[in-house]
Amino acid sequence: MTKKRNIFLAMISVLVLMVLSLSGCIGEESKFVGTWETSSGIDMFTFNNDGTYEFQSDSGKYSVQDGRLILTSDLTDLTVSFRYHFSDNNNQLTVEGIAGTSLSYTLYKK
């Protein structure tokens, strides 16, 4: 009986860890949801709840994986990935590594 109980507790522990891990990923992606613009207001990104984005005349899918924002364009079928970080209480988003360079782009939540 003790062996069955230990196995059951181990399975519950693994399940709890999996749920917590997945909720962390979902929580990170939810930070992107909304419309973001540059300080000039010229460029705007919109990230939707369903994992899609719109930027100028392009749209596609986005995801977050291993601390990187991954965008896949529906128009070009090109996938790009950026380092990112949030600041100002998650109202400022900086993406880095644009086109394989050290360039960065700062966006502000509308």
PDB file of N, CA and C in Angstrom:
ATOM      1  N   MET A   1       0.828  -1.192   0.000  1.00  0.00           N
ATOM      2  CA  MET A   1       0.000   0.000   0.000  1.00  0.00           C
ATOM      3  C   MET A   1       0.875   1.260   0.000  1.00  0.00           C
ATOM      4  N   THR A   2       1.951   1.264   0.747  1.00  0.00           N
ATOM      5  CA  THR A   2       2.833   2.423   0.823  1.00  0.00           C
ATOM      6  C   THR A   2       3.479   2.696  -0.532  1.00  0.00           C
ATOM      7  N   LYS A   3       3.856   1.647  -1.261  1.00  0.00           N
ATOM      8  CA  LYS A   3       4.471   1.815  -2.568  1.00  0.00           C
ATOM      9  C   LYS A   3       3.478   2.468  -3.542  1.00  0.00           C
ATOM     10  N   LYS A   4       2.229   2.018  -3.533  1.00  0.00           N
ATOM     11  CA  LYS A   4       1.201   2.606  -4.393  1.00  0.00           C
ATOM     12  C   LYS A   4       0.977   4.075  -4.032  1.00  0.00           C
ATOM     13  N   ARG A   5       0.980   4.339  -2.752  1.00  0.00           N
ATOM     14  CA  ARG A   5       0.781   5.718  -2.300  1.00  0.00           C
ATOM     15  C   ARG A   5       1.924   6.609  -2.766  1.00  0.00           C
ATOM     16  N   ASN A   6       3.158   6.138  -2.673  1.00  0.00           N
ATOM     17  CA  ASN A   6       4.323   6.907  -3.117  1.00  0.00           C
ATOM     18  C   ASN A   6       4.272   7.165  -4.625  1.00  0.00           C
ATOM     19  N   ILE A   7       3.869   6.160  -5.387  1.00  0.00           N
ATOM     20  CA  ILE A   7       3.746   6.327  -6.833  1.00  0.00           C
ATOM     21  C   ILE A   7       2.673   7.362  -7.146  1.00  0.00           C
ATOM     22  N   PHE A   8       1.545   7.288  -6.449  1.00  0.00           N
ATOM     23  CA  PHE A   8       0.455   8.232  -6.641  1.00  0.00           C
ATOM     24  C   PHE A   8       0.921   9.652  -6.325  1.00  0.00           C
ATOM     25  N   LEU A   9       1.617   9.831  -5.207  1.00  0.00           N
ATOM     26  CA  LEU A   9       2.114  11.155  -4.829  1.00  0.00           C
ATOM     27  C   LEU A   9       3.129  11.682  -5.841  1.00  0.00           C
ATOM     28  N   ALA A  10       3.966  10.799  -6.368  1.00  0.00           N
ATOM     29  CA  ALA A  10       4.943  11.206  -7.375  1.00  0.00           C
ATOM     30  C   ALA A  10       4.238  11.658  -8.655  1.00  0.00           C
ATOM     31  N   MET A  11       3.199  10.931  -9.047  1.00  0.00           N
ATOM     32  CA  MET A  11       2.444  11.301 -10.248  1.00  0.00           C
ATOM     33  C   MET A  11       1.751  12.651 -10.070  1.00  0.00           C
ATOM     34  N   ILE A  12       1.174  12.873  -8.892  1.00  0.00           N
ATOM     35  CA  ILE A  12       0.529  14.152  -8.604  1.00  0.00           C
ATOM     36  C   ILE A  12       1.558  15.278  -8.650  1.00  0.00           C
ATOM     37  N   SER A  13       2.732  15.055  -8.093  1.00  0.00           N
ATOM     38  CA  SER A  13       3.785  16.072  -8.092  1.00  0.00           C
ATOM     39  C   SER A  13       4.206  16.436  -9.511  1.00  0.00           C
ATOM     40  N   VAL A  14       4.370  15.419 -10.361  1.00  0.00           N
ATOM     41  CA  VAL A  14       4.742  15.666 -11.756  1.00  0.00           C
ATOM     42  C   VAL A  14       3.644  16.454 -12.462  1.00  0.00           C
ATOM     43  N   LEU A  15       2.395  16.087 -12.232  1.00  0.00           N
ATOM     44  CA  LEU A  15       1.269  16.790 -12.836  1.00  0.00           C
ATOM     45  C   LEU A  15       1.231  18.258 -12.402  1.00  0.00           C
ATOM     46  N   VAL A  16       1.436  18.509 -11.135  1.00  0.00           N
ATOM     47  CA  VAL A  16       1.444  19.883 -10.626  1.00  0.00           C
ATOM     48  C   VAL A  16       2.578  20.682 -11.273  1.00  0.00           C
ATOM     49  N   LEU A  17       3.759  20.086 -11.380  1.00  0.00           N
ATOM     50  CA  LEU A  17       4.894  20.777 -12.012  1.00  0.00           C
ATOM     51  C   LEU A  17       4.612  21.089 -13.478  1.00  0.00           C
ATOM     52  N   MET A  18       3.971  20.162 -14.180  1.00  0.00           N
ATOM     53  CA  MET A  18       3.631  20.395 -15.585  1.00  0.00           C
ATOM     54  C   MET A  18       2.646  21.553 -15.724  1.00  0.00           C
ATOM     55  N   VAL A  19       1.638  21.578 -14.877  1.00  0.00           N
ATOM     56  CA  VAL A  19       0.644  22.654 -14.922  1.00  0.00           C
ATOM     57  C   VAL A  19       1.297  23.990 -14.619  1.00  0.00           C
ATOM     58  N   LEU A  20       2.154  24.030 -13.621  1.00  0.00           N
ATOM     59  CA  LEU A  20       2.838  25.279 -13.283  1.00  0.00           C
ATOM     60  C   LEU A  20       3.757  25.738 -14.412  1.00  0.00           C
ATOM     61  N   SER A  21       4.433  24.805 -15.066  1.00  0.00           N
ATOM     62  CA  SER A  21       5.310  25.161 -16.183  1.00  0.00           C
ATOM     63  C   SER A  21       4.512  25.733 -17.333  1.00  0.00           C
ATOM     64  N   LEU A  22       3.409  25.093 -17.670  1.00  0.00           N
ATOM     65  CA  LEU A  22       2.584  25.571 -18.773  1.00  0.00           C
ATOM     66  C   LEU A  22       1.952  26.906 -18.458  1.00  0.00           C
ATOM     67  N   SER A  23       1.538  27.108 -17.229  1.00  0.00           N
ATOM     68  CA  SER A  23       0.915  28.385 -16.889  1.00  0.00           C
ATOM     69  C   SER A  23       1.928  29.515 -16.968  1.00  0.00           C
ATOM     70  N   GLY A  24       3.190  29.232 -16.724  1.00  0.00           N
ATOM     71  CA  GLY A  24       4.233  30.241 -16.876  1.00  0.00           C
ATOM     72  C   GLY A  24       4.386  30.680 -18.314  1.00  0.00           C
ATOM     73  N   CYS A  25       4.324  29.730 -19.248  1.00  0.00           N
ATOM     74  CA  CYS A  25       4.413  30.055 -20.668  1.00  0.00           C
ATOM     75  C   CYS A  25       3.206  30.867 -21.113  1.00  0.00           C
ATOM     76  N   ILE A  26       2.047  30.448 -20.707  1.00  0.00           N
ATOM     77  CA  ILE A  26       0.839  31.154 -21.087  1.00  0.00           C
ATOM     78  C   ILE A  26       0.873  32.566 -20.530  1.00  0.00           C
ATOM     79  N   GLY A  27       1.316  32.715 -19.300  1.00  0.00           N
ATOM     80  CA  GLY A  27       1.389  34.031 -18.682  1.00  0.00           C
ATOM     81  C   GLY A  27       2.342  34.951 -19.420  1.00  0.00           C
ATOM     82  N   GLU A  28       3.447  34.433 -19.890  1.00  0.00           N
ATOM     83  CA  GLU A  28       4.422  35.256 -20.605  1.00  0.00           C
ATOM     84  C   GLU A  28       3.840  35.724 -21.940  1.00  0.00           C
ATOM     85  N   GLU A  29       3.185  34.837 -22.674  1.00  0.00           N
ATOM     86  CA  GLU A  29       2.588  35.222 -23.950  1.00  0.00           C
ATOM     87  C   GLU A  29       1.485  36.255 -23.759  1.00  0.00           C
ATOM     88  N   SER A  30       0.776  36.160 -22.654  1.00  0.00           N
ATOM     89  CA  SER A  30      -0.334  37.101 -22.435  1.00  0.00           C
ATOM     90  C   SER A  30       0.163  38.535 -22.234  1.00  0.00           C
ATOM     91  N   LYS A  31       1.429  38.702 -21.854  1.00  0.00           N
ATOM     92  CA  LYS A  31       1.984  40.051 -21.702  1.00  0.00           C
ATOM     93  C   LYS A  31       2.036  40.791 -23.037  1.00  0.00           C
ATOM     94  N   PHE A  32       2.122  40.048 -24.140  1.00  0.00           N
ATOM     95  CA  PHE A  32       2.217  40.661 -25.460  1.00  0.00           C
ATOM     96  C   PHE A  32       0.871  41.144 -25.980  1.00  0.00           C
ATOM     97  N   VAL A  33      -0.222  40.552 -25.506  1.00  0.00           N
ATOM     98  CA  VAL A  33      -1.545  40.817 -26.071  1.00  0.00           C
ATOM     99  C   VAL A  33      -1.900  42.303 -25.972  1.00  0.00           C
ATOM    100  N   GLY A  34      -2.284  42.866 -27.107  1.00  0.00           N
ATOM    101  CA  GLY A  34      -2.662  44.273 -27.179  1.00  0.00           C
ATOM    102  C   GLY A  34      -1.974  44.944 -28.350  1.00  0.00           C
ATOM    103  N   THR A  35      -2.140  46.239 -28.445  1.00  0.00           N
ATOM    104  CA  THR A  35      -1.524  47.020 -29.512  1.00  0.00           C
ATOM    105  C   THR A  35      -0.346  47.789 -28.950  1.00  0.00           C
ATOM    106  N   TRP A  36       0.756  47.728 -29.661  1.00  0.00           N
ATOM    107  CA  TRP A  36       2.005  48.359 -29.274  1.00  0.00           C
ATOM    108  C   TRP A  36       2.437  49.297 -30.391  1.00  0.00           C
ATOM    109  N   GLU A  37       3.026  50.438 -30.027  1.00  0.00           N
ATOM    110  CA  GLU A  37       3.498  51.375 -31.037  1.00  0.00           C
ATOM    111  C   GLU A  37       4.849  51.951 -30.646  1.00  0.00           C
ATOM    112  N   THR A  38       5.543  52.467 -31.647  1.00  0.00           N
ATOM    113  CA  THR A  38       6.801  53.160 -31.391  1.00  0.00           C
ATOM    114  C   THR A  38       6.492  54.524 -30.776  1.00  0.00           C
ATOM    115  N   SER A  39       7.505  55.180 -30.268  1.00  0.00           N
ATOM    116  CA  SER A  39       7.279  56.490 -29.648  1.00  0.00           C
ATOM    117  C   SER A  39       6.753  57.503 -30.661  1.00  0.00           C
ATOM    118  N   SER A  40       7.091  57.322 -31.932  1.00  0.00           N
ATOM    119  CA  SER A  40       6.597  58.230 -32.974  1.00  0.00           C
ATOM    120  C   SER A  40       5.157  57.905 -33.374  1.00  0.00           C
ATOM    121  N   GLY A  41       4.692  56.707 -33.013  1.00  0.00           N
ATOM    122  CA  GLY A  41       3.345  56.288 -33.374  1.00  0.00           C
ATOM    123  C   GLY A  41       3.215  55.823 -34.813  1.00  0.00           C
ATOM    124  N   ILE A  42       4.323  55.759 -35.527  1.00  0.00           N
ATOM    125  CA  ILE A  42       4.283  55.363 -36.943  1.00  0.00           C
ATOM    126  C   ILE A  42       4.106  53.855 -37.094  1.00  0.00           C
ATOM    127  N   ASP A  43       4.890  53.064 -36.368  1.00  0.00           N
ATOM    128  CA  ASP A  43       4.817  51.604 -36.467  1.00  0.00           C
ATOM    129  C   ASP A  43       3.976  51.048 -35.334  1.00  0.00           C
ATOM    130  N   MET A  44       3.070  50.131 -35.675  1.00  0.00           N
ATOM    131  CA  MET A  44       2.215  49.504 -34.671  1.00  0.00           C
ATOM    132  C   MET A  44       2.172  47.997 -34.857  1.00  0.00           C
ATOM    133  N   PHE A  45       2.311  47.292 -33.765  1.00  0.00           N
ATOM    134  CA  PHE A  45       2.121  45.848 -33.720  1.00  0.00           C
ATOM    135  C   PHE A  45       0.868  45.575 -32.914  1.00  0.00           C
ATOM    136  N   THR A  46       0.077  44.615 -33.333  1.00  0.00           N
ATOM    137  CA  THR A  46      -1.029  44.123 -32.522  1.00  0.00           C
ATOM    138  C   THR A  46      -0.842  42.629 -32.323  1.00  0.00           C
ATOM    139  N   PHE A  47      -0.791  42.217 -31.072  1.00  0.00           N
ATOM    140  CA  PHE A  47      -0.699  40.800 -30.716  1.00  0.00           C
ATOM    141  C   PHE A  47      -2.055  40.383 -30.158  1.00  0.00           C
ATOM    142  N   ASN A  48      -2.646  39.358 -30.742  1.00  0.00           N
ATOM    143  CA  ASN A  48      -3.974  38.896 -30.357  1.00  0.00           C
ATOM    144  C   ASN A  48      -3.912  37.694 -29.419  1.00  0.00           C
ATOM    145  N   ASN A  49      -5.003  37.470 -28.676  1.00  0.00           N
ATOM    146  CA  ASN A  49      -5.100  36.336 -27.742  1.00  0.00           C
ATOM    147  C   ASN A  49      -4.900  34.987 -28.412  1.00  0.00           C
ATOM    148  N   ASP A  50      -5.253  34.882 -29.687  1.00  0.00           N
ATOM    149  CA  ASP A  50      -5.202  33.589 -30.379  1.00  0.00           C
ATOM    150  C   ASP A  50      -3.828  33.259 -30.956  1.00  0.00           C
ATOM    151  N   GLY A  51      -2.802  34.051 -30.606  1.00  0.00           N
ATOM    152  CA  GLY A  51      -1.444  33.764 -31.067  1.00  0.00           C
ATOM    153  C   GLY A  51      -1.140  34.326 -32.450  1.00  0.00           C
ATOM    154  N   THR A  52      -1.953  35.277 -32.913  1.00  0.00           N
ATOM    155  CA  THR A  52      -1.688  35.925 -34.191  1.00  0.00           C
ATOM    156  C   THR A  52      -1.246  37.371 -33.950  1.00  0.00           C
ATOM    157  N   TYR A  53      -0.591  37.931 -34.962  1.00  0.00           N
ATOM    158  CA  TYR A  53      -0.168  39.329 -34.870  1.00  0.00           C
ATOM    159  C   TYR A  53      -0.475  40.041 -36.178  1.00  0.00           C
ATOM    160  N   GLU A  54      -0.505  41.366 -36.131  1.00  0.00           N
ATOM    161  CA  GLU A  54      -0.603  42.217 -37.304  1.00  0.00           C
ATOM    162  C   GLU A  54       0.455  43.305 -37.180  1.00  0.00           C
ATOM    163  N   PHE A  55       1.130  43.563 -38.295  1.00  0.00           N
ATOM    164  CA  PHE A  55       2.126  44.626 -38.355  1.00  0.00           C
ATOM    165  C   PHE A  55       2.107  45.200 -39.762  1.00  0.00           C
ATOM    166  N   GLN A  56       1.733  46.448 -39.897  1.00  0.00           N
ATOM    167  CA  GLN A  56       1.608  47.125 -41.191  1.00  0.00           C
ATOM    168  C   GLN A  56       0.762  46.257 -42.120  1.00  0.00           C
ATOM    169  N   SER A  57       1.298  45.836 -43.262  1.00  0.00           N
ATOM    170  CA  SER A  57       0.512  45.030 -44.201  1.00  0.00           C
ATOM    171  C   SER A  57       0.724  43.531 -43.996  1.00  0.00           C
ATOM    172  N   ASP A  58       1.424  43.156 -42.947  1.00  0.00           N
ATOM    173  CA  ASP A  58       1.718  41.741 -42.685  1.00  0.00           C
ATOM    174  C   ASP A  58       0.914  41.240 -41.492  1.00  0.00           C
ATOM    175  N   SER A  59       0.726  39.956 -41.462  1.00  0.00           N
ATOM    176  CA  SER A  59       0.126  39.298 -40.300  1.00  0.00           C
ATOM    177  C   SER A  59       0.736  37.907 -40.217  1.00  0.00           C
ATOM    178  N   GLY A  60       0.522  37.258 -39.087  1.00  0.00           N
ATOM    179  CA  GLY A  60       1.082  35.926 -38.925  1.00  0.00           C
ATOM    180  C   GLY A  60       0.832  35.400 -37.529  1.00  0.00           C
ATOM    181  N   LYS A  61       1.686  34.468 -37.131  1.00  0.00           N
ATOM    182  CA  LYS A  61       1.563  33.846 -35.818  1.00  0.00           C
ATOM    183  C   LYS A  61       2.766  34.222 -34.966  1.00  0.00           C
ATOM    184  N   TYR A  62       2.526  34.307 -33.658  1.00  0.00           N
ATOM    185  CA  TYR A  62       3.635  34.565 -32.733  1.00  0.00           C
ATOM    186  C   TYR A  62       3.594  33.551 -31.603  1.00  0.00           C
ATOM    187  N   SER A  63       4.754  33.340 -31.023  1.00  0.00           N
ATOM    188  CA  SER A  63       4.860  32.491 -29.836  1.00  0.00           C
ATOM    189  C   SER A  63       6.065  32.954 -29.039  1.00  0.00           C
ATOM    190  N   VAL A  64       6.154  32.469 -27.820  1.00  0.00           N
ATOM    191  CA  VAL A  64       7.282  32.764 -26.947  1.00  0.00           C
ATOM    192  C   VAL A  64       7.914  31.432 -26.572  1.00  0.00           C
ATOM    193  N   GLN A  65       9.221  31.339 -26.786  1.00  0.00           N
ATOM    194  CA  GLN A  65       9.915  30.087 -26.497  1.00  0.00           C
ATOM    195  C   GLN A  65      11.341  30.396 -26.070  1.00  0.00           C
ATOM    196  N   ASP A  66      11.739  29.855 -24.952  1.00  0.00           N
ATOM    197  CA  ASP A  66      13.107  30.020 -24.438  1.00  0.00           C
ATOM    198  C   ASP A  66      13.537  31.484 -24.375  1.00  0.00           C
ATOM    199  N   GLY A  67      12.624  32.351 -23.916  1.00  0.00           N
ATOM    200  CA  GLY A  67      12.958  33.757 -23.754  1.00  0.00           C
ATOM    201  C   GLY A  67      13.056  34.539 -25.051  1.00  0.00           C
ATOM    202  N   ARG A  68      12.483  34.008 -26.122  1.00  0.00           N
ATOM    203  CA  ARG A  68      12.523  34.678 -27.419  1.00  0.00           C
ATOM    204  C   ARG A  68      11.109  34.823 -27.966  1.00  0.00           C
ATOM    205  N   LEU A  69      10.858  35.934 -28.632  1.00  0.00           N
ATOM    206  CA  LEU A  69       9.606  36.168 -29.344  1.00  0.00           C
ATOM    207  C   LEU A  69       9.809  35.654 -30.762  1.00  0.00           C
ATOM    208  N   ILE A  70       8.928  34.759 -31.196  1.00  0.00           N
ATOM    209  CA  ILE A  70       9.055  34.149 -32.521  1.00  0.00           C
ATOM    210  C   ILE A  70       7.863  34.589 -33.368  1.00  0.00           C
ATOM    211  N   LEU A  71       8.151  35.183 -34.523  1.00  0.00           N
ATOM    212  CA  LEU A  71       7.120  35.644 -35.447  1.00  0.00           C
ATOM    213  C   LEU A  71       7.235  34.858 -36.747  1.00  0.00           C
ATOM    214  N   THR A  72       6.103  34.333 -37.226  1.00  0.00           N
ATOM    215  CA  THR A  72       6.058  33.664 -38.518  1.00  0.00           C
ATOM    216  C   THR A  72       5.062  34.399 -39.391  1.00  0.00           C
ATOM    217  N   SER A  73       5.555  34.976 -40.474  1.00  0.00           N
ATOM    218  CA  SER A  73       4.745  35.797 -41.372  1.00  0.00           C
ATOM    219  C   SER A  73       3.863  34.924 -42.264  1.00  0.00           C
ATOM    220  N   ASP A  74       2.581  35.281 -42.371  1.00  0.00           N
ATOM    221  CA  ASP A  74       1.694  34.619 -43.327  1.00  0.00           C
ATOM    222  C   ASP A  74       2.032  35.056 -44.749  1.00  0.00           C
ATOM    223  N   LEU A  75       2.508  36.278 -44.893  1.00  0.00           N
ATOM    224  CA  LEU A  75       2.806  36.844 -46.209  1.00  0.00           C
ATOM    225  C   LEU A  75       4.032  36.201 -46.846  1.00  0.00           C
ATOM    226  N   THR A  76       5.106  36.079 -46.076  1.00  0.00           N
ATOM    227  CA  THR A  76       6.372  35.579 -46.631  1.00  0.00           C
ATOM    228  C   THR A  76       6.727  34.176 -46.164  1.00  0.00           C
ATOM    229  N   ASP A  77       6.007  33.656 -45.173  1.00  0.00           N
ATOM    230  CA  ASP A  77       6.292  32.356 -44.550  1.00  0.00           C
ATOM    231  C   ASP A  77       7.661  32.346 -43.869  1.00  0.00           C
ATOM    232  N   LEU A  78       8.208  33.519 -43.616  1.00  0.00           N
ATOM    233  CA  LEU A  78       9.502  33.673 -42.963  1.00  0.00           C
ATOM    234  C   LEU A  78       9.307  33.673 -41.448  1.00  0.00           C
ATOM    235  N   THR A  79      10.164  32.996 -40.726  1.00  0.00           N
ATOM    236  CA  THR A  79      10.130  32.982 -39.267  1.00  0.00           C
ATOM    237  C   THR A  79      11.354  33.705 -38.737  1.00  0.00           C
ATOM    238  N   VAL A  80      11.132  34.656 -37.839  1.00  0.00           N
ATOM    239  CA  VAL A  80      12.223  35.393 -37.194  1.00  0.00           C
ATOM    240  C   VAL A  80      12.037  35.308 -35.684  1.00  0.00           C
ATOM    241  N   SER A  81      13.133  35.434 -34.987  1.00  0.00           N
ATOM    242  CA  SER A  81      13.070  35.358 -33.523  1.00  0.00           C
ATOM    243  C   SER A  81      13.904  36.475 -32.927  1.00  0.00           C
ATOM    244  N   PHE A  82      13.402  37.018 -31.815  1.00  0.00           N
ATOM    245  CA  PHE A  82      14.031  38.156 -31.159  1.00  0.00           C
ATOM    246  C   PHE A  82      14.164  37.902 -29.666  1.00  0.00           C
ATOM    247  N   ARG A  83      15.216  38.420 -29.073  1.00  0.00           N
ATOM    248  CA  ARG A  83      15.268  38.518 -27.618  1.00  0.00           C
ATOM    249  C   ARG A  83      14.323  39.654 -27.247  1.00  0.00           C
ATOM    250  N   TYR A  84      13.762  39.603 -26.075  1.00  0.00           N
ATOM    251  CA  TYR A  84      12.847  40.667 -25.673  1.00  0.00           C
ATOM    252  C   TYR A  84      12.909  40.857 -24.168  1.00  0.00           C
ATOM    253  N   HIS A  85      12.462  42.004 -23.727  1.00  0.00           N
ATOM    254  CA  HIS A  85      12.228  42.213 -22.297  1.00  0.00           C
ATOM    255  C   HIS A  85      11.181  43.306 -22.119  1.00  0.00           C
ATOM    256  N   PHE A  86      10.460  43.167 -21.029  1.00  0.00           N
ATOM    257  CA  PHE A  86       9.431  44.130 -20.666  1.00  0.00           C
ATOM    258  C   PHE A  86       9.963  45.039 -19.566  1.00  0.00           C
ATOM    259  N   SER A  87       9.475  46.277 -19.559  1.00  0.00           N
ATOM    260  CA  SER A  87       9.784  47.206 -18.477  1.00  0.00           C
ATOM    261  C   SER A  87       8.565  48.100 -18.267  1.00  0.00           C
ATOM    262  N   ASP A  88       8.678  49.029 -17.351  1.00  0.00           N
ATOM    263  CA  ASP A  88       7.600  49.963 -17.044  1.00  0.00           C
ATOM    264  C   ASP A  88       6.282  49.225 -16.787  1.00  0.00           C
ATOM    265  N   ASN A  89       6.352  48.268 -15.863  1.00  0.00           N
ATOM    266  CA  ASN A  89       5.152  47.517 -15.463  1.00  0.00           C
ATOM    267  C   ASN A  89       4.497  46.800 -16.652  1.00  0.00           C
ATOM    268  N   ASN A  90       5.331  46.230 -17.528  1.00  0.00           N
ATOM    269  CA  ASN A  90       4.904  45.503 -18.738  1.00  0.00           C
ATOM    270  C   ASN A  90       4.239  46.393 -19.782  1.00  0.00           C
ATOM    271  N   ASN A  91       4.470  47.707 -19.723  1.00  0.00           N
ATOM    272  CA  ASN A  91       3.904  48.626 -20.710  1.00  0.00           C
ATOM    273  C   ASN A  91       4.925  49.068 -21.756  1.00  0.00           C
ATOM    274  N   GLN A  92       6.161  48.616 -21.603  1.00  0.00           N
ATOM    275  CA  GLN A  92       7.211  48.918 -22.576  1.00  0.00           C
ATOM    276  C   GLN A  92       7.859  47.597 -22.968  1.00  0.00           C
ATOM    277  N   LEU A  93       7.958  47.357 -24.256  1.00  0.00           N
ATOM    278  CA  LEU A  93       8.523  46.119 -24.792  1.00  0.00           C
ATOM    279  C   LEU A  93       9.710  46.467 -25.672  1.00  0.00           C
ATOM    280  N   THR A  94      10.847  45.878 -25.378  1.00  0.00           N
ATOM    281  CA  THR A  94      12.029  46.073 -26.205  1.00  0.00           C
ATOM    282  C   THR A  94      12.390  44.740 -26.840  1.00  0.00           C
ATOM    283  N   VAL A  95      12.492  44.732 -28.165  1.00  0.00           N
ATOM    284  CA  VAL A  95      12.942  43.544 -28.888  1.00  0.00           C
ATOM    285  C   VAL A  95      14.334  43.837 -29.416  1.00  0.00           C
ATOM    286  N   GLU A  96      15.184  42.829 -29.367  1.00  0.00           N
ATOM    287  CA  GLU A  96      16.594  42.996 -29.737  1.00  0.00           C
ATOM    288  C   GLU A  96      17.011  41.901 -30.705  1.00  0.00           C
ATOM    289  N   GLY A  97      18.080  42.180 -31.435  1.00  0.00           N
ATOM    290  CA  GLY A  97      18.601  41.176 -32.359  1.00  0.00           C
ATOM    291  C   GLY A  97      17.876  41.201 -33.685  1.00  0.00           C
ATOM    292  N   ILE A  98      17.404  42.369 -34.084  1.00  0.00           N
ATOM    293  CA  ILE A  98      16.655  42.510 -35.332  1.00  0.00           C
ATOM    294  C   ILE A  98      17.578  42.217 -36.513  1.00  0.00           C
ATOM    295  N   ALA A  99      17.139  41.308 -37.365  1.00  0.00           N
ATOM    296  CA  ALA A  99      17.891  40.906 -38.568  1.00  0.00           C
ATOM    297  C   ALA A  99      19.299  40.443 -38.223  1.00  0.00           C
ATOM    298  N   GLY A 100      19.446  39.774 -37.087  1.00  0.00           N
ATOM    299  CA  GLY A 100      20.738  39.223 -36.692  1.00  0.00           C
ATOM    300  C   GLY A 100      21.745  40.258 -36.251  1.00  0.00           C
ATOM    301  N   THR A 101      21.289  41.460 -35.939  1.00  0.00           N
ATOM    302  CA  THR A 101      22.199  42.528 -35.523  1.00  0.00           C
ATOM    303  C   THR A 101      21.979  42.836 -34.042  1.00  0.00           C
ATOM    304  N   SER A 102      22.636  43.875 -33.575  1.00  0.00           N
ATOM    305  CA  SER A 102      22.439  44.312 -32.194  1.00  0.00           C
ATOM    306  C   SER A 102      21.377  45.407 -32.104  1.00  0.00           C
ATOM    307  N   LEU A 103      20.668  45.667 -33.193  1.00  0.00           N
ATOM    308  CA  LEU A 103      19.630  46.698 -33.194  1.00  0.00           C
ATOM    309  C   LEU A 103      18.485  46.312 -32.274  1.00  0.00           C
ATOM    310  N   SER A 104      17.871  47.317 -31.675  1.00  0.00           N
ATOM    311  CA  SER A 104      16.711  47.070 -30.821  1.00  0.00           C
ATOM    312  C   SER A 104      15.576  47.991 -31.235  1.00  0.00           C
ATOM    313  N   TYR A 105      14.387  47.613 -30.819  1.00  0.00           N
ATOM    314  CA  TYR A 105      13.155  48.315 -31.184  1.00  0.00           C
ATOM    315  C   TYR A 105      12.331  48.407 -29.920  1.00  0.00           C
ATOM    316  N   THR A 106      11.934  49.603 -29.521  1.00  0.00           N
ATOM    317  CA  THR A 106      11.151  49.774 -28.309  1.00  0.00           C
ATOM    318  C   THR A 106       9.719  50.133 -28.674  1.00  0.00           C
ATOM    319  N   LEU A 107       8.773  49.392 -28.081  1.00  0.00           N
ATOM    320  CA  LEU A 107       7.354  49.581 -28.334  1.00  0.00           C
ATOM    321  C   LEU A 107       6.655  49.904 -27.017  1.00  0.00           C
ATOM    322  N   TYR A 108       5.594  50.687 -27.113  1.00  0.00           N
ATOM    323  CA  TYR A 108       4.828  51.104 -25.937  1.00  0.00           C
ATOM    324  C   TYR A 108       3.398  50.634 -26.078  1.00  0.00           C
ATOM    325  N   LYS A 109       2.848  50.073 -25.020  1.00  0.00           N
ATOM    326  CA  LYS A 109       1.475  49.574 -25.060  1.00  0.00           C
ATOM    327  C   LYS A 109       0.514  50.736 -25.152  1.00  0.00           C
ATOM    328  N   LYS A 110      -0.437  50.642 -26.082  1.00  0.00           N
ATOM    329  CA  LYS A 110      -1.446  51.684 -26.261  1.00  0.00           C
ATOM    330  C   LYS A 110      -2.521  51.544 -25.209  1.00  0.00           C
TER     331      LYS A 110
END
